[in-house]
Amino acid sequence: MGASDTKEDGALASCEATTRNGGKTLTFRLRWGPGDERMMKFLGRTHPSGYNSPLSPLGSWPGVLREEAGATSASLWLRCDRKDHRSLIVETRIEGGPGAVTAPAPAQREKFAAVAVATAEKAAGSFGCDQVRGGSFAGLGGSPRKKPVTLAEARGTCAALRPTESSARRLGLGHVWEARASGTAPVEDCVLTTEADPQLPAFSLSAYYGPFAEGYSEQVTPRVAGKQGVQKDGWRVWATAKCPGTETRALYVLSGVVGSDAEGTSGVPVKKDDPGFRTEALTAFARQSAERHHCAELALP
């Protein structure tokens, strides 16, 4: 395996290691949060209406895991008691090489997560940040997309939407992609998909905490502004809350996912536009996530 320093603009430090046959590449990157647009790009969050690979918690550590075709990524948030910087983001990514499309087995996933956490622990000592806390990979799962459930069966990050089931069905929505609700993940996702096709996303709901909330506000366009709001001529609504341990208000966002259906029709795949449902769904999601993270002063649209 060969390794090299690949420090890029905006990164505090970075390193890349590749197997001799070029089959796998492991990349580490440290950056002060929220940094530039690369932090949100690493999570696949550059435009609100595009499809986002849903994230899952990194066990009980303050991080998230993202799985996509041929690659697995982890992002951890370290809190820093420094005058110039309050957050350090530690990013780890492994790519399986050309043609690698299979998701990692549970044992491989846990090994990768352990490498990501060990890197964060070393970074904390080097840059004067708090040691990461958590200590468990219990419940570490793969992409929520691989195990859709009906809205009535939601028990994780989408559980708050169960009371909206009848309203959702009127729009043609009946399934969700959800992750375990850990209360420690700095990003939480819930994706509503259609009743006819559990793999066709219609709305994504996400909760962002600390530097990830700031990063979304500053790096994803069109920008969200104010403590709460509704995007005019769009499918996006948002709310915020005050949370312990950070000066940045948490951000809760519902966005329509624009795609194409089987007939090639482009747009958000719902039977009709219902602004009231979007507000109802975001309100339920934000309240439950805020409660898990001990946040208060929730400002709703």
Protein backbone atom coordinates (compact mmCIF):
# COMPACT_ATOMS: atom_id res chain seq x y z
CA MET A 1 0.00 0.00 0.00
CA GLY A 2 1.30 3.45 -0.92
CA ALA A 3 0.49 6.66 0.97
CA SER A 4 0.83 10.32 0.09
CA ASP A 5 0.06 13.76 1.50
CA THR A 6 -2.77 15.19 -0.57
CA LYS A 7 -3.40 18.45 1.24
CA GLU A 8 -5.97 20.49 -0.65
CA ASP A 9 -7.21 24.06 -0.43
CA GLY A 10 -9.40 24.48 2.64
CA ALA A 11 -8.17 21.30 4.36
CA LEU A 12 -6.11 21.43 7.53
CA ALA A 13 -4.47 18.14 6.59
CA SER A 14 -5.18 15.22 4.28
CA CYS A 15 -3.67 11.87 3.35
CA GLU A 16 -4.43 9.21 0.77
CA ALA A 17 -3.42 5.54 0.78
CA THR A 18 -3.90 3.19 -2.18
CA THR A 19 -3.35 -0.55 -2.45
CA ARG A 20 -0.57 -1.57 -4.83
CA ASN A 21 -2.97 -2.94 -7.42
CA GLY A 22 -5.05 0.23 -7.27
CA GLY A 23 -8.07 -1.67 -6.00
CA LYS A 24 -8.88 0.45 -2.94
CA THR A 25 -8.16 4.00 -1.88
CA LEU A 26 -8.47 5.27 1.70
CA THR A 27 -8.58 9.03 2.20
CA PHE A 28 -8.39 11.07 5.43
CA ARG A 29 -9.13 14.78 5.60
CA LEU A 30 -9.27 17.26 8.49
CA ARG A 31 -10.89 20.66 8.23
CA TRP A 32 -12.08 23.34 10.60
CA GLY A 33 -15.87 23.46 10.56
CA PRO A 34 -17.85 24.50 8.74
CA GLY A 35 -15.09 25.39 6.27
CA ASP A 36 -15.89 25.70 2.59
CA GLU A 37 -18.34 23.95 0.29
CA ARG A 38 -16.30 20.74 0.35
CA MET A 39 -17.72 19.78 3.75
CA MET A 40 -21.28 19.55 2.42
CA LYS A 41 -20.12 18.09 -0.88
CA PHE A 42 -18.49 15.25 1.09
CA LEU A 43 -21.97 14.42 2.40
CA GLY A 44 -23.55 14.73 -1.04
CA ARG A 45 -25.39 17.89 -0.02
CA THR A 46 -24.89 20.58 -2.67
CA HIS A 47 -28.43 21.28 -3.87
CA PRO A 48 -31.66 20.81 -1.89
CA SER A 49 -33.72 19.27 -4.70
CA GLY A 50 -31.14 16.69 -5.77
CA TYR A 51 -31.16 13.14 -4.46
CA ASN A 52 -29.12 12.75 -1.30
CA SER A 53 -27.79 9.39 -0.16
CA PRO A 54 -29.34 9.10 3.31
CA LEU A 55 -26.93 9.08 6.23
CA SER A 56 -26.91 6.77 9.22
CA PRO A 57 -25.37 7.29 12.68
CA LEU A 58 -21.80 6.15 13.32
CA GLY A 59 -22.88 3.97 16.21
CA SER A 60 -23.05 6.21 19.28
CA TRP A 61 -20.11 8.37 18.16
CA PRO A 62 -20.71 12.00 17.06
CA GLY A 63 -20.57 11.17 13.38
CA VAL A 64 -22.43 9.86 10.36
CA LEU A 65 -21.88 7.13 7.79
CA ARG A 66 -22.68 7.38 4.09
CA GLU A 67 -22.75 4.47 1.66
CA GLU A 68 -22.99 4.87 -2.10
CA ALA A 69 -21.98 2.81 -5.12
CA GLY A 70 -18.40 1.65 -4.57
CA ALA A 71 -17.62 3.97 -1.64
CA THR A 72 -18.20 4.40 2.09
CA SER A 73 -17.62 7.68 3.94
CA ALA A 74 -17.66 8.83 7.55
CA SER A 75 -17.69 12.33 8.98
CA LEU A 76 -17.09 13.08 12.68
CA TRP A 77 -17.56 16.33 14.60
CA LEU A 78 -15.03 17.23 17.30
CA ARG A 79 -15.72 20.18 19.60
CA CYS A 80 -12.72 22.43 20.20
CA ASP A 81 -12.12 24.94 22.99
CA ARG A 82 -10.17 27.42 20.88
CA LYS A 83 -10.67 31.12 20.29
CA ASP A 84 -10.24 30.78 16.54
CA HIS A 85 -12.07 27.50 15.90
CA ARG A 86 -14.85 25.65 17.73
CA SER A 87 -15.23 22.59 15.50
CA LEU A 88 -12.96 20.11 13.74
CA ILE A 89 -14.44 17.85 11.06
CA VAL A 90 -12.68 14.53 10.44
CA GLU A 91 -13.56 12.91 7.11
CA THR A 92 -12.67 9.34 6.12
CA ARG A 93 -13.55 7.68 2.82
CA ILE A 94 -12.77 4.33 1.22
CA GLU A 95 -13.38 3.66 -2.45
CA GLY A 96 -13.36 0.16 -3.84
CA GLY A 97 -11.92 0.94 -7.24
CA PRO A 98 -13.47 0.65 -10.71
CA GLY A 99 -16.54 -1.54 -10.86
CA ALA A 100 -16.96 -1.82 -7.08
CA VAL A 101 -20.66 -1.40 -6.41
CA THR A 102 -21.39 -3.73 -3.51
CA ALA A 103 -21.91 -2.39 0.00
CA PRO A 104 -19.48 -3.51 2.71
CA ALA A 105 -20.35 -6.47 4.89
CA PRO A 106 -21.19 -5.63 8.53
CA ALA A 107 -17.72 -6.66 9.75
CA GLN A 108 -16.02 -4.51 7.09
CA ARG A 109 -18.30 -1.60 7.89
CA GLU A 110 -17.36 -1.76 11.57
CA LYS A 111 -13.64 -1.95 10.76
CA PHE A 112 -13.96 1.14 8.58
CA ALA A 113 -15.88 2.96 11.32
CA ALA A 114 -13.19 2.02 13.85
CA VAL A 115 -10.50 3.50 11.57
CA ALA A 116 -12.52 6.71 11.25
CA VAL A 117 -12.92 7.02 15.03
CA ALA A 118 -9.24 6.25 15.70
CA THR A 119 -8.27 9.00 13.25
CA ALA A 120 -10.58 11.43 15.04
CA GLU A 121 -9.09 10.51 18.43
CA LYS A 122 -5.57 11.27 17.17
CA ALA A 123 -6.74 14.53 15.60
CA ALA A 124 -8.34 15.62 18.86
CA GLY A 125 -5.04 15.31 20.70
CA SER A 126 -3.09 17.07 17.96
CA PHE A 127 -5.34 20.10 17.57
CA GLY A 128 -6.54 20.75 21.10
CA CYS A 129 -10.08 19.43 20.70
CA ASP A 130 -12.26 17.36 23.01
CA GLN A 131 -11.80 13.62 22.80
CA VAL A 132 -14.63 11.96 20.90
CA ARG A 133 -17.18 10.29 23.12
CA GLY A 134 -19.40 7.35 22.39
CA GLY A 135 -17.60 4.07 22.60
CA SER A 136 -20.03 1.81 20.77
CA PHE A 137 -20.78 0.67 17.24
CA ALA A 138 -24.03 -0.96 18.34
CA GLY A 139 -26.68 -0.50 15.71
CA LEU A 140 -24.17 0.48 13.03
CA GLY A 141 -26.11 -0.01 9.82
CA GLY A 142 -25.77 0.41 6.08
CA SER A 143 -27.66 2.69 3.76
CA PRO A 144 -31.27 3.23 4.91
CA ARG A 145 -32.28 3.04 1.25
CA LYS A 146 -31.69 -0.71 1.23
CA LYS A 147 -34.39 -1.36 3.84
CA PRO A 148 -37.46 0.78 3.11
CA VAL A 149 -40.39 0.37 5.49
CA THR A 150 -43.97 1.59 5.35
CA LEU A 151 -44.66 4.86 7.08
CA ALA A 152 -46.79 3.02 9.63
CA GLU A 153 -43.77 0.85 10.54
CA ALA A 154 -41.33 3.75 11.05
CA ARG A 155 -39.51 3.51 14.38
CA GLY A 156 -36.27 5.44 13.79
CA THR A 157 -35.58 8.90 12.35
CA CYS A 158 -38.97 8.86 10.56
CA ALA A 159 -41.05 7.76 13.56
CA ALA A 160 -42.45 11.25 14.11
CA LEU A 161 -44.16 11.11 10.71
CA ARG A 162 -46.43 8.17 11.56
CA PRO A 163 -49.36 10.47 12.51
CA THR A 164 -49.13 12.05 9.03
CA GLU A 165 -49.76 8.71 7.27
CA SER A 166 -53.26 9.51 6.00
CA SER A 167 -52.13 12.88 4.64
CA ALA A 168 -49.08 11.26 3.04
CA ARG A 169 -51.18 8.62 1.29
CA ARG A 170 -53.34 11.30 -0.31
CA LEU A 171 -50.14 12.50 -1.97
CA GLY A 172 -49.18 8.99 -3.05
CA LEU A 173 -46.54 8.54 -0.35
CA GLY A 174 -46.33 5.39 1.75
CA HIS A 175 -42.74 4.34 2.49
CA VAL A 176 -39.67 5.78 4.20
CA TRP A 177 -35.93 5.31 4.34
CA GLU A 178 -34.91 5.78 7.95
CA ALA A 179 -31.93 5.22 10.22
CA ARG A 180 -31.64 4.45 13.90
CA ALA A 181 -32.45 7.52 15.99
CA SER A 182 -29.26 7.82 18.05
CA GLY A 183 -29.44 11.32 19.48
CA THR A 184 -25.67 11.65 18.91
CA ALA A 185 -25.46 11.92 15.11
CA PRO A 186 -24.81 15.51 13.93
CA VAL A 187 -27.01 14.86 10.87
CA GLU A 188 -30.25 12.87 10.89
CA ASP A 189 -32.14 11.89 7.73
CA CYS A 190 -35.62 10.68 6.87
CA VAL A 191 -36.72 10.18 3.25
CA LEU A 192 -40.36 9.84 2.20
CA THR A 193 -40.84 7.66 -0.88
CA THR A 194 -43.87 6.83 -2.99
CA GLU A 195 -46.45 4.20 -2.17
CA ALA A 196 -46.08 2.62 -5.61
CA ASP A 197 -42.27 2.51 -5.60
CA PRO A 198 -40.37 2.42 -2.27
CA GLN A 199 -37.18 3.37 -4.17
CA LEU A 200 -38.60 6.62 -5.60
CA PRO A 201 -37.89 9.50 -3.16
CA ALA A 202 -40.28 12.46 -2.94
CA PHE A 203 -39.27 14.41 0.18
CA SER A 204 -36.10 14.42 2.25
CA LEU A 205 -36.12 15.64 5.84
CA SER A 206 -32.82 16.36 7.54
CA ALA A 207 -31.65 17.69 10.90
CA TYR A 208 -28.26 19.43 11.02
CA TYR A 209 -26.40 20.24 14.22
CA GLY A 210 -23.36 22.41 15.01
CA PRO A 211 -21.05 23.03 12.04
CA PHE A 212 -23.28 20.98 9.76
CA ALA A 213 -26.17 23.40 10.34
CA GLU A 214 -23.86 26.31 9.62
CA GLY A 215 -22.43 24.51 6.59
CA TYR A 216 -25.86 23.87 5.09
CA SER A 217 -26.90 27.49 5.63
CA GLU A 218 -23.74 28.84 4.01
CA GLN A 219 -22.97 26.27 1.32
CA VAL A 220 -26.24 24.88 -0.07
CA THR A 221 -28.01 27.07 -2.61
CA PRO A 222 -30.52 28.56 -2.69
CA ARG A 223 -29.69 29.61 0.87
CA VAL A 224 -32.00 29.33 3.86
CA ALA A 225 -32.31 32.48 5.94
CA GLY A 226 -33.84 33.33 9.29
CA LYS A 227 -34.92 31.10 12.15
CA GLN A 228 -37.70 29.55 10.07
CA GLY A 229 -39.05 29.89 6.57
CA VAL A 230 -40.76 28.66 3.44
CA GLN A 231 -39.06 28.84 0.07
CA LYS A 232 -41.19 30.77 -2.38
CA ASP A 233 -41.81 28.95 -5.67
CA GLY A 234 -40.11 25.91 -4.21
CA TRP A 235 -40.58 22.75 -2.19
CA ARG A 236 -38.49 23.62 0.85
CA VAL A 237 -39.41 24.59 4.41
CA TRP A 238 -37.13 24.91 7.43
CA ALA A 239 -37.02 25.40 11.18
CA THR A 240 -34.29 25.99 13.78
CA ALA A 241 -33.66 25.38 17.48
CA LYS A 242 -31.19 26.37 20.19
CA CYS A 243 -29.07 23.43 21.32
CA PRO A 244 -26.57 22.88 24.16
CA GLY A 245 -22.84 22.96 23.48
CA THR A 246 -22.93 25.09 20.34
CA GLU A 247 -23.73 28.68 19.45
CA THR A 248 -25.14 27.63 16.07
CA ARG A 249 -28.86 26.91 15.98
CA ALA A 250 -29.80 23.46 14.74
CA LEU A 251 -31.42 23.44 11.31
CA TYR A 252 -34.31 21.22 10.20
CA VAL A 253 -35.09 21.13 6.49
CA LEU A 254 -37.70 19.46 4.29
CA SER A 255 -36.92 19.48 0.56
CA GLY A 256 -38.71 18.08 -2.46
CA VAL A 257 -36.59 15.58 -4.39
CA VAL A 258 -36.86 16.33 -8.10
CA GLY A 259 -36.51 13.29 -10.33
CA SER A 260 -38.13 11.44 -13.21
CA ASP A 261 -40.79 8.76 -12.93
CA ALA A 262 -41.27 5.70 -15.13
CA GLU A 263 -43.00 7.84 -17.78
CA GLY A 264 -40.10 10.29 -17.83
CA THR A 265 -42.05 13.08 -16.15
CA SER A 266 -39.73 15.39 -14.22
CA GLY A 267 -40.65 16.84 -10.84
CA VAL A 268 -41.38 15.86 -7.24
CA PRO A 269 -43.32 12.56 -7.51
CA VAL A 270 -46.49 13.45 -5.60
CA LYS A 271 -50.11 13.38 -6.77
CA LYS A 272 -50.60 17.04 -5.88
CA ASP A 273 -48.85 19.94 -4.23
CA ASP A 274 -49.78 20.32 -0.56
CA PRO A 275 -47.81 23.02 1.32
CA GLY A 276 -49.73 22.15 4.48
CA PHE A 277 -48.38 18.61 4.47
CA ARG A 278 -44.81 19.81 4.08
CA THR A 279 -45.16 22.06 7.12
CA GLU A 280 -46.91 19.32 9.11
CA ALA A 281 -44.21 16.77 8.30
CA LEU A 282 -41.30 19.09 9.06
CA THR A 283 -42.87 20.21 12.34
CA ALA A 284 -43.25 16.62 13.55
CA PHE A 285 -39.74 15.66 12.43
CA ALA A 286 -38.09 18.75 13.95
CA ARG A 287 -39.83 18.39 17.30
CA GLN A 288 -38.75 14.79 17.75
CA SER A 289 -35.16 15.36 16.62
CA ALA A 290 -34.83 18.48 18.80
CA GLU A 291 -36.07 16.52 21.81
CA ARG A 292 -33.47 13.79 21.21
CA HIS A 293 -30.71 16.40 21.14
CA HIS A 294 -32.07 18.33 24.17
CA CYS A 295 -32.72 21.46 22.11
CA ALA A 296 -35.18 24.23 22.94
CA GLU A 297 -36.70 27.42 21.50
CA LEU A 298 -37.84 25.60 18.37
CA ALA A 299 -38.82 28.13 15.67
CA LEU A 300 -41.28 26.53 13.22
CA PRO A 301 -42.52 27.81 9.83
